[in-house]
Amino acid sequence: MEARPFPLPVSIILALLVLLSVLVSVPAFPATYVVDPSGNDANSGDITAPWLTIQHAASRVSPGDTVTIHAGTYQESVNVYRGGTEGGWVTFAADPGAVLVSPAPYPNASWEAFNVLGNVAFVALQGIEATGGFDETVFIRPGSHDISIQNCELYGNHAGIIINGACCTTTPRSAYALPAHLMT
């Protein structure tokens, strides 16, 4: 006698499909990543195995994530091309003493501490200190929106914050200083 397959009722099949679609569509929980001058970009980016560069973190964030930048000197320019959502901002939060210094040894080079690329939204920069001759310290490109720059100190650079064709940018409690040669 040949075995016949056991037919599943249509209601069970539909229930399993609904359950599968819910499980697949649930977003991941927001993560907190850590950047530290003693880190390594091959690490996992958590508190026990931090990343070395802010750029590495910026290339891996998802909506709702926070990047904690530990105290130290970071000689880099960060391109932000991944943003958040209205309910899940991407946040770059610097500890006191975390300083971005321009990697450009050339006076005519154009570097940004944070370059928020076009159409990126819902990004917060908190407590960032940037100095050392950045051309545009924070550059917010066309199409970007809902960018918050809070409690930042931007000094010793060619320009502070440039907003080009972007909207809904706020800068509460941030300080900007012009280079000495421009203040005379």
Foldseek 3Di string as FASTA:
>chain_A
DDDDDDDDDPVVVVVVVVVVVVVVPDDDAAEEFEEECPADLVFPRHPVHRHHAPQSVLVDGEFQYEYEYEADEAADAHERAHFHDPVGTYEYAYDPRYEYAHNDPDLPDAGENYEDDAQHERYEYHAYEYAHAHAEHYEHDANYEHYEYELYEYEHYQHYYHYYNYDHYYYPNYYYDHHPVVVD
